[in-house]
C-alpha atoms as a PDB file:
ATOM      1  CA  MET A   1      14.806 -36.683  49.532  1.00  0.00           C
ATOM      2  CA  THR A   2      12.108 -35.614  47.097  1.00  0.00           C
ATOM      3  CA  LYS A   3      12.976 -36.437  43.492  1.00  0.00           C
ATOM      4  CA  LEU A   4      12.774 -33.888  40.695  1.00  0.00           C
ATOM      5  CA  GLY A   5      11.210 -34.469  37.308  1.00  0.00           C
ATOM      6  CA  VAL A   6      11.906 -31.620  34.898  1.00  0.00           C
ATOM      7  CA  ASN A   7       9.216 -30.772  32.382  1.00  0.00           C
ATOM      8  CA  ILE A   8      10.891 -29.455  29.227  1.00  0.00           C
ATOM      9  CA  ASP A   9       7.737 -28.474  27.309  1.00  0.00           C
ATOM     10  CA  HIS A  10       8.655 -24.807  27.261  1.00  0.00           C
ATOM     11  CA  ILE A  11      11.986 -25.409  25.605  1.00  0.00           C
ATOM     12  CA  ALA A  12       9.820 -26.622  22.732  1.00  0.00           C
ATOM     13  CA  THR A  13       7.496 -23.622  23.184  1.00  0.00           C
ATOM     14  CA  LEU A  14      10.433 -21.327  22.467  1.00  0.00           C
ATOM     15  CA  ARG A  15      11.398 -23.375  19.418  1.00  0.00           C
ATOM     16  CA  GLU A  16       7.857 -23.402  18.053  1.00  0.00           C
ATOM     17  CA  ALA A  17       7.574 -19.622  18.437  1.00  0.00           C
ATOM     18  CA  ARG A  18       9.768 -19.387  15.322  1.00  0.00           C
ATOM     19  CA  LYS A  19       8.955 -22.813  13.845  1.00  0.00           C
ATOM     20  CA  THR A  20      12.656 -23.611  13.694  1.00  0.00           C
ATOM     21  CA  ASN A  21      14.876 -26.333  15.138  1.00  0.00           C
ATOM     22  CA  GLU A  22      16.313 -24.575  18.189  1.00  0.00           C
ATOM     23  CA  PRO A  23      16.326 -24.824  21.137  1.00  0.00           C
ATOM     24  CA  ASP A  24      16.190 -28.602  21.059  1.00  0.00           C
ATOM     25  CA  PRO A  25      14.208 -30.236  23.894  1.00  0.00           C
ATOM     26  CA  VAL A  26      16.288 -33.391  23.536  1.00  0.00           C
ATOM     27  CA  ALA A  27      19.464 -31.412  24.246  1.00  0.00           C
ATOM     28  CA  ALA A  28      17.675 -29.799  27.195  1.00  0.00           C
ATOM     29  CA  ALA A  29      16.793 -33.241  28.575  1.00  0.00           C
ATOM     30  CA  VAL A  30      20.445 -34.279  28.415  1.00  0.00           C
ATOM     31  CA  LEU A  31      21.538 -31.127  30.262  1.00  0.00           C
ATOM     32  CA  ALA A  32      18.853 -31.568  32.921  1.00  0.00           C
ATOM     33  CA  GLU A  33      19.903 -35.166  33.531  1.00  0.00           C
ATOM     34  CA  LEU A  34      23.578 -34.203  33.747  1.00  0.00           C
ATOM     35  CA  ALA A  35      22.582 -31.600  36.349  1.00  0.00           C
ATOM     36  CA  GLY A  36      21.073 -34.389  38.458  1.00  0.00           C
ATOM     37  CA  CYS A  37      17.331 -34.489  37.839  1.00  0.00           C
ATOM     38  CA  HIS A  38      15.582 -37.823  38.295  1.00  0.00           C
ATOM     39  CA  GLY A  39      13.301 -37.773  35.270  1.00  0.00           C
ATOM     40  CA  ILE A  40      12.141 -35.909  32.182  1.00  0.00           C
ATOM     41  CA  THR A  41       8.494 -34.995  31.590  1.00  0.00           C
ATOM     42  CA  VAL A  42       6.850 -33.867  28.364  1.00  0.00           C
ATOM     43  CA  HIS A  43       3.216 -33.249  27.457  1.00  0.00           C
ATOM     44  CA  LEU A  44       2.324 -34.292  23.918  1.00  0.00           C
ATOM     45  CA  ARG A  45      -0.769 -32.188  23.336  1.00  0.00           C
ATOM     46  CA  SER A  46      -3.345 -32.892  20.663  1.00  0.00           C
ATOM     47  CA  ASP A  47      -2.652 -29.481  19.065  1.00  0.00           C
ATOM     48  CA  ARG A  48       1.133 -30.083  19.154  1.00  0.00           C
ATOM     49  CA  ARG A  49       1.656 -26.562  20.445  1.00  0.00           C
ATOM     50  CA  HIS A  50       5.123 -27.403  21.787  1.00  0.00           C
ATOM     51  CA  ILE A  51       6.331 -30.992  22.036  1.00  0.00           C
ATOM     52  CA  GLN A  52       6.143 -32.874  18.715  1.00  0.00           C
ATOM     53  CA  ASP A  53       5.910 -36.611  18.001  1.00  0.00           C
ATOM     54  CA  ARG A  54       9.528 -36.705  16.859  1.00  0.00           C
ATOM     55  CA  ASP A  55      10.647 -35.145  20.168  1.00  0.00           C
ATOM     56  CA  VAL A  56       9.003 -37.960  22.113  1.00  0.00           C
ATOM     57  CA  GLU A  57      10.578 -40.615  19.882  1.00  0.00           C
ATOM     58  CA  LEU A  58      14.058 -39.104  20.248  1.00  0.00           C
ATOM     59  CA  LEU A  59      13.629 -38.605  23.979  1.00  0.00           C
ATOM     60  CA  ARG A  60      12.762 -42.291  24.388  1.00  0.00           C
ATOM     61  CA  GLU A  61      16.109 -43.111  22.772  1.00  0.00           C
ATOM     62  CA  THR A  62      18.013 -40.491  24.753  1.00  0.00           C
ATOM     63  CA  VAL A  63      16.633 -40.206  28.302  1.00  0.00           C
ATOM     64  CA  LYS A  64      18.699 -42.220  30.783  1.00  0.00           C
ATOM     65  CA  THR A  65      16.609 -41.598  33.913  1.00  0.00           C
ATOM     66  CA  ARG A  66      12.836 -41.884  33.412  1.00  0.00           C
ATOM     67  CA  LEU A  67      10.628 -40.558  30.646  1.00  0.00           C
ATOM     68  CA  ASN A  68       7.186 -39.432  31.803  1.00  0.00           C
ATOM     69  CA  LEU A  69       4.695 -38.738  29.010  1.00  0.00           C
ATOM     70  CA  GLU A  70       1.772 -36.508  29.967  1.00  0.00           C
ATOM     71  CA  MET A  71      -1.175 -37.215  27.702  1.00  0.00           C
ATOM     72  CA  ALA A  72      -4.927 -37.069  27.292  1.00  0.00           C
ATOM     73  CA  ALA A  73      -6.804 -40.362  27.514  1.00  0.00           C
ATOM     74  CA  THR A  74      -7.546 -40.467  23.787  1.00  0.00           C
ATOM     75  CA  GLU A  75      -7.128 -43.267  21.259  1.00  0.00           C
ATOM     76  CA  GLU A  76      -4.431 -41.285  19.430  1.00  0.00           C
ATOM     77  CA  MET A  77      -2.332 -40.691  22.537  1.00  0.00           C
ATOM     78  CA  ILE A  78      -2.747 -44.248  23.805  1.00  0.00           C
ATOM     79  CA  ARG A  79      -1.532 -45.548  20.440  1.00  0.00           C
ATOM     80  CA  ILE A  80       1.516 -43.258  20.527  1.00  0.00           C
ATOM     81  CA  ALA A  81       2.344 -44.221  24.102  1.00  0.00           C
ATOM     82  CA  ARG A  82       2.089 -47.920  23.322  1.00  0.00           C
ATOM     83  CA  GLU A  83       4.502 -47.429  20.414  1.00  0.00           C
ATOM     84  CA  VAL A  84       7.010 -45.186  22.204  1.00  0.00           C
ATOM     85  CA  LYS A  85       6.768 -46.920  25.601  1.00  0.00           C
ATOM     86  CA  PRO A  86       7.626 -44.160  28.085  1.00  0.00           C
ATOM     87  CA  ASP A  87       8.450 -45.316  31.590  1.00  0.00           C
ATOM     88  CA  THR A  88       5.346 -43.557  32.876  1.00  0.00           C
ATOM     89  CA  ALA A  89       2.234 -42.197  31.213  1.00  0.00           C
ATOM     90  CA  THR A  90       0.486 -39.494  33.219  1.00  0.00           C
ATOM     91  CA  LEU A  91      -3.123 -39.038  32.157  1.00  0.00           C
ATOM     92  CA  VAL A  92      -4.186 -35.398  32.286  1.00  0.00           C
ATOM     93  CA  PRO A  93      -7.315 -33.489  31.239  1.00  0.00           C
ATOM     94  CA  GLU A  94      -6.968 -31.430  28.086  1.00  0.00           C
ATOM     95  CA  PHE A  95      -9.269 -28.730  26.750  1.00  0.00           C
ATOM     96  CA  PRO A  96      -9.003 -26.707  23.505  1.00  0.00           C
ATOM     97  CA  GLY A  97      -7.527 -23.243  23.950  1.00  0.00           C
ATOM     98  CA  GLU A  98      -6.320 -23.628  27.536  1.00  0.00           C
ATOM     99  CA  LEU A  99      -3.028 -21.918  28.384  1.00  0.00           C
ATOM    100  CA  THR A 100      -2.035 -24.759  30.674  1.00  0.00           C
ATOM    101  CA  THR A 101      -3.707 -27.746  32.295  1.00  0.00           C
ATOM    102  CA  GLN A 102      -6.809 -26.548  34.140  1.00  0.00           C
ATOM    103  CA  GLY A 103      -7.498 -28.799  37.108  1.00  0.00           C
ATOM    104  CA  GLY A 104      -7.115 -32.516  37.570  1.00  0.00           C
ATOM    105  CA  LEU A 105      -8.884 -35.445  35.973  1.00  0.00           C
ATOM    106  CA  ASP A 106     -12.427 -36.100  37.100  1.00  0.00           C
ATOM    107  CA  CYS A 107     -11.951 -39.777  37.897  1.00  0.00           C
ATOM    108  CA  VAL A 108     -15.436 -40.024  39.361  1.00  0.00           C
ATOM    109  CA  ARG A 109     -17.440 -38.710  36.421  1.00  0.00           C
ATOM    110  CA  ASN A 110     -15.125 -40.204  33.777  1.00  0.00           C
ATOM    111  CA  TYR A 111     -14.286 -43.400  35.634  1.00  0.00           C
ATOM    112  CA  ASP A 112     -14.933 -45.864  32.804  1.00  0.00           C
ATOM    113  CA  MET A 113     -12.973 -43.917  30.164  1.00  0.00           C
ATOM    114  CA  ILE A 114      -9.967 -43.282  32.393  1.00  0.00           C
ATOM    115  CA  SER A 115      -9.949 -46.820  33.757  1.00  0.00           C
ATOM    116  CA  ALA A 116     -10.037 -48.266  30.224  1.00  0.00           C
ATOM    117  CA  ALA A 117      -7.153 -46.028  29.124  1.00  0.00           C
ATOM    118  CA  ALA A 118      -5.117 -47.024  32.176  1.00  0.00           C
ATOM    119  CA  GLN A 119      -5.689 -50.703  31.468  1.00  0.00           C
ATOM    120  CA  GLU A 120      -4.538 -50.332  27.848  1.00  0.00           C
ATOM    121  CA  LEU A 121      -1.353 -48.608  28.935  1.00  0.00           C
ATOM    122  CA  GLU A 122      -0.643 -51.090  31.698  1.00  0.00           C
ATOM    123  CA  ALA A 123      -1.096 -53.936  29.188  1.00  0.00           C
ATOM    124  CA  ALA A 124       1.827 -52.387  27.288  1.00  0.00           C
ATOM    125  CA  ALA A 125       3.975 -52.447  30.464  1.00  0.00           C
ATOM    126  CA  ILE A 126       3.697 -48.680  30.977  1.00  0.00           C
ATOM    127  CA  ALA A 127       3.254 -47.425  34.536  1.00  0.00           C
ATOM    128  CA  VAL A 128       0.180 -45.200  34.795  1.00  0.00           C
ATOM    129  CA  SER A 129      -0.157 -42.034  36.838  1.00  0.00           C
ATOM    130  CA  LEU A 130      -3.302 -39.933  37.178  1.00  0.00           C
ATOM    131  CA  PHE A 131      -3.098 -36.151  37.549  1.00  0.00           C
ATOM    132  CA  ILE A 132      -5.842 -35.377  40.057  1.00  0.00           C
ATOM    133  CA  ASP A 133      -6.939 -32.633  42.414  1.00  0.00           C
ATOM    134  CA  PRO A 134      -6.306 -33.162  46.151  1.00  0.00           C
ATOM    135  CA  GLU A 135      -9.795 -34.500  46.821  1.00  0.00           C
ATOM    136  CA  LYS A 136     -10.804 -37.635  48.708  1.00  0.00           C
ATOM    137  CA  GLN A 137     -13.272 -38.884  46.091  1.00  0.00           C
ATOM    138  CA  GLN A 138     -10.695 -38.589  43.303  1.00  0.00           C
ATOM    139  CA  ILE A 139      -8.129 -40.574  45.268  1.00  0.00           C
ATOM    140  CA  GLU A 140     -10.685 -43.236  46.113  1.00  0.00           C
ATOM    141  CA  ALA A 141     -11.590 -43.537  42.424  1.00  0.00           C
ATOM    142  CA  ALA A 142      -7.898 -43.872  41.532  1.00  0.00           C
ATOM    143  CA  GLN A 143      -7.574 -46.584  44.149  1.00  0.00           C
ATOM    144  CA  ARG A 144     -10.493 -48.509  42.644  1.00  0.00           C
ATOM    145  CA  MET A 145      -8.815 -48.317  39.242  1.00  0.00           C
ATOM    146  CA  GLY A 146      -5.706 -49.902  40.715  1.00  0.00           C
ATOM    147  CA  VAL A 147      -3.252 -47.344  39.297  1.00  0.00           C
ATOM    148  CA  PRO A 148       0.181 -47.368  40.955  1.00  0.00           C
ATOM    149  CA  ILE A 149       0.781 -43.592  40.972  1.00  0.00           C
ATOM    150  CA  ILE A 150      -1.119 -40.344  41.308  1.00  0.00           C
ATOM    151  CA  GLU A 151       0.204 -36.833  40.757  1.00  0.00           C
ATOM    152  CA  ILE A 152      -1.503 -34.341  43.030  1.00  0.00           C
ATOM    153  CA  ASN A 153      -2.367 -31.044  41.379  1.00  0.00           C
ATOM    154  CA  THR A 154      -0.617 -28.366  43.458  1.00  0.00           C
ATOM    155  CA  ALA A 155      -2.056 -25.414  41.520  1.00  0.00           C
ATOM    156  CA  SER A 156      -4.326 -24.085  44.297  1.00  0.00           C
ATOM    157  CA  TYR A 157      -1.412 -23.913  46.734  1.00  0.00           C
ATOM    158  CA  ALA A 158       0.961 -22.566  44.092  1.00  0.00           C
ATOM    159  CA  ASP A 159      -1.435 -19.821  43.027  1.00  0.00           C
ATOM    160  CA  ALA A 160      -2.158 -18.741  46.601  1.00  0.00           C
ATOM    161  CA  SER A 161       1.515 -18.736  47.584  1.00  0.00           C
ATOM    162  CA  LEU A 162       2.862 -17.018  44.468  1.00  0.00           C
ATOM    163  CA  TYR A 163       2.603 -13.615  46.164  1.00  0.00           C
ATOM    164  CA  LEU A 164       2.059 -14.247  49.858  1.00  0.00           C
ATOM    165  CA  THR A 165       0.098 -11.531  51.618  1.00  0.00           C
ATOM    166  CA  LEU A 166      -2.077 -11.455  54.707  1.00  0.00           C
ATOM    167  CA  LYS A 167      -5.034 -12.123  52.402  1.00  0.00           C
ATOM    168  CA  THR A 168      -3.510 -15.148  50.658  1.00  0.00           C
ATOM    169  CA  GLU A 169      -1.541 -16.703  53.530  1.00  0.00           C
ATOM    170  CA  LEU A 170      -4.550 -18.515  54.999  1.00  0.00           C
ATOM    171  CA  THR A 171      -5.672 -19.761  51.575  1.00  0.00           C
ATOM    172  CA  ALA A 172      -2.190 -21.088  50.869  1.00  0.00           C
ATOM    173  CA  ALA A 173      -2.031 -22.833  54.253  1.00  0.00           C
ATOM    174  CA  GLU A 174      -5.426 -24.458  53.700  1.00  0.00           C
ATOM    175  CA  ALA A 175      -4.433 -25.602  50.206  1.00  0.00           C
ATOM    176  CA  LEU A 176      -1.214 -27.088  51.579  1.00  0.00           C
ATOM    177  CA  GLU A 177      -3.172 -29.021  54.213  1.00  0.00           C
ATOM    178  CA  GLU A 178      -5.417 -30.437  51.472  1.00  0.00           C
ATOM    179  CA  ILE A 179      -2.333 -31.668  49.615  1.00  0.00           C
ATOM    180  CA  LYS A 180      -0.927 -33.212  52.801  1.00  0.00           C
ATOM    181  CA  ALA A 181      -4.191 -34.979  53.647  1.00  0.00           C
ATOM    182  CA  SER A 182      -4.533 -36.306  50.101  1.00  0.00           C
ATOM    183  CA  ALA A 183      -0.948 -37.546  50.051  1.00  0.00           C
ATOM    184  CA  ILE A 184      -1.464 -39.365  53.341  1.00  0.00           C
ATOM    185  CA  LEU A 185      -4.717 -40.923  52.098  1.00  0.00           C
ATOM    186  CA  ALA A 186      -3.132 -42.100  48.852  1.00  0.00           C
ATOM    187  CA  GLY A 187      -0.053 -43.413  50.621  1.00  0.00           C
ATOM    188  CA  SER A 188      -2.182 -45.380  53.074  1.00  0.00           C
ATOM    189  CA  ALA A 189      -3.917 -46.972  50.065  1.00  0.00           C
ATOM    190  CA  GLY A 190      -0.585 -48.129  48.665  1.00  0.00           C
ATOM    191  CA  ILE A 191      -0.491 -45.537  45.893  1.00  0.00           C
ATOM    192  CA  ARG A 192       2.783 -43.768  45.131  1.00  0.00           C
ATOM    193  CA  VAL A 193       2.410 -39.994  45.268  1.00  0.00           C
ATOM    194  CA  HIS A 194       3.894 -37.370  42.986  1.00  0.00           C
ATOM    195  CA  GLY A 195       2.975 -33.700  42.784  1.00  0.00           C
ATOM    196  CA  GLY A 196       3.208 -30.693  40.551  1.00  0.00           C
ATOM    197  CA  HIS A 197       1.736 -27.701  38.737  1.00  0.00           C
ATOM    198  CA  GLY A 198       2.703 -24.087  39.303  1.00  0.00           C
ATOM    199  CA  LEU A 199       5.428 -24.736  41.855  1.00  0.00           C
ATOM    200  CA  THR A 200       8.314 -22.258  42.049  1.00  0.00           C
ATOM    201  CA  TYR A 201      11.641 -21.894  43.807  1.00  0.00           C
ATOM    202  CA  ARG A 202       9.852 -19.759  46.417  1.00  0.00           C
ATOM    203  CA  ASN A 203       7.039 -22.138  47.365  1.00  0.00           C
ATOM    204  CA  VAL A 204       8.321 -25.644  46.609  1.00  0.00           C
ATOM    205  CA  ARG A 205       9.917 -26.373  49.996  1.00  0.00           C
ATOM    206  CA  ALA A 206       6.659 -26.794  51.893  1.00  0.00           C
ATOM    207  CA  VAL A 207       5.395 -29.386  49.408  1.00  0.00           C
ATOM    208  CA  SER A 208       8.718 -31.225  49.210  1.00  0.00           C
ATOM    209  CA  GLN A 209       8.612 -31.715  52.991  1.00  0.00           C
ATOM    210  CA  ILE A 210       5.468 -33.862  52.779  1.00  0.00           C
ATOM    211  CA  PRO A 211       6.893 -37.364  53.422  1.00  0.00           C
ATOM    212  CA  GLU A 212       4.440 -39.214  51.189  1.00  0.00           C
ATOM    213  CA  ILE A 213       5.338 -37.189  48.082  1.00  0.00           C
ATOM    214  CA  GLU A 214       8.164 -38.985  46.295  1.00  0.00           C
ATOM    215  CA  GLU A 215       8.624 -36.698  43.318  1.00  0.00           C
ATOM    216  CA  LEU A 216       7.713 -33.255  42.051  1.00  0.00           C
ATOM    217  CA  ASN A 217       7.370 -32.472  38.353  1.00  0.00           C
ATOM    218  CA  ILE A 218       8.284 -28.856  37.656  1.00  0.00           C
ATOM    219  CA  GLY A 219       8.543 -27.190  34.278  1.00  0.00           C
ATOM    220  CA  HIS A 220       7.708 -23.558  33.670  1.00  0.00           C
ATOM    221  CA  ASN A 221       9.569 -22.084  36.639  1.00  0.00           C
ATOM    222  CA  VAL A 222      12.709 -24.135  36.018  1.00  0.00           C
ATOM    223  CA  ILE A 223      12.764 -23.201  32.334  1.00  0.00           C
ATOM    224  CA  SER A 224      12.071 -19.555  33.202  1.00  0.00           C
ATOM    225  CA  ARG A 225      15.010 -19.580  35.594  1.00  0.00           C
ATOM    226  CA  ALA A 226      17.131 -21.316  32.975  1.00  0.00           C
ATOM    227  CA  ALA A 227      16.521 -18.434  30.552  1.00  0.00           C
ATOM    228  CA  LEU A 228      18.435 -16.230  33.004  1.00  0.00           C
ATOM    229  CA  VAL A 229      21.087 -18.488  34.532  1.00  0.00           C
ATOM    230  CA  GLY A 230      21.264 -21.562  32.288  1.00  0.00           C
ATOM    231  CA  LEU A 231      19.549 -24.930  32.591  1.00  0.00           C
ATOM    232  CA  ASP A 232      22.323 -26.668  34.519  1.00  0.00           C
ATOM    233  CA  ARG A 233      22.249 -24.085  37.315  1.00  0.00           C
ATOM    234  CA  ALA A 234      18.447 -23.868  37.302  1.00  0.00           C
ATOM    235  CA  VAL A 235      18.090 -27.631  37.815  1.00  0.00           C
ATOM    236  CA  ARG A 236      20.795 -27.759  40.479  1.00  0.00           C
ATOM    237  CA  GLU A 237      19.203 -24.903  42.417  1.00  0.00           C
ATOM    238  CA  MET A 238      15.818 -26.664  42.433  1.00  0.00           C
ATOM    239  CA  LEU A 239      17.428 -29.934  43.500  1.00  0.00           C
ATOM    240  CA  ALA A 240      19.157 -28.141  46.375  1.00  0.00           C
ATOM    241  CA  LEU A 241      15.775 -26.893  47.616  1.00  0.00           C
ATOM    242  CA  LEU A 242      14.279 -30.382  47.462  1.00  0.00           C
ATOM    243  CA  GLN A 243      17.199 -31.900  49.352  1.00  0.00           C
ATOM    244  CA  GLU A 244      17.275 -29.417  52.223  1.00  0.00           C
ATOM    245  CA  GLU A 245      16.182 -30.832  55.562  1.00  0.00           C
END
């Protein structure tokens, strides 16, 4: 069974749209856990566009499953992570003005910086995950760093499969094969494999059936569904998809 980590960033996005105190991402985390998810993910961005420092502190006190903190490999974020001590810190690239994360870390070009950040986090007893594209050289770099987990960026597959047509079907199939090959390569190297980015209720099944992928982190589509049917039902529906044989 593939585990589900629910990213609750966009609960905070809704709150920050009015700069008020509702909806509360901490309350959302509790509801998601009660619905059966296996972990809570938040991205503390440098511009604090959604999740705030106080949210992360309260979530550390509240989350009963696993707290995964997505973060840039900066001195500020490393300091916060070392203080809060999430169960996992997922290093992600971050660029000013981007709507969402654009691509995975370049572990080849930025090897020294990422490796140093991972070592600092591991010294604080925080498990490190690297958000990377499904590319052989990125996985090999992650292996050299000795990180225990990678999260494969599923955006190419998700984008191609969002509206499947005769034109996009082949692209989606090729992207899925890249994810499969990368998961197998990472698994053979002893690295635990997670995945995520852009996955929806319509396209998640194919990725969840890859044996090497232990967990999928899904945010926007679950929260979008929750706006219509409630968070409890939205989480349970996604879990049902991940558990189908």
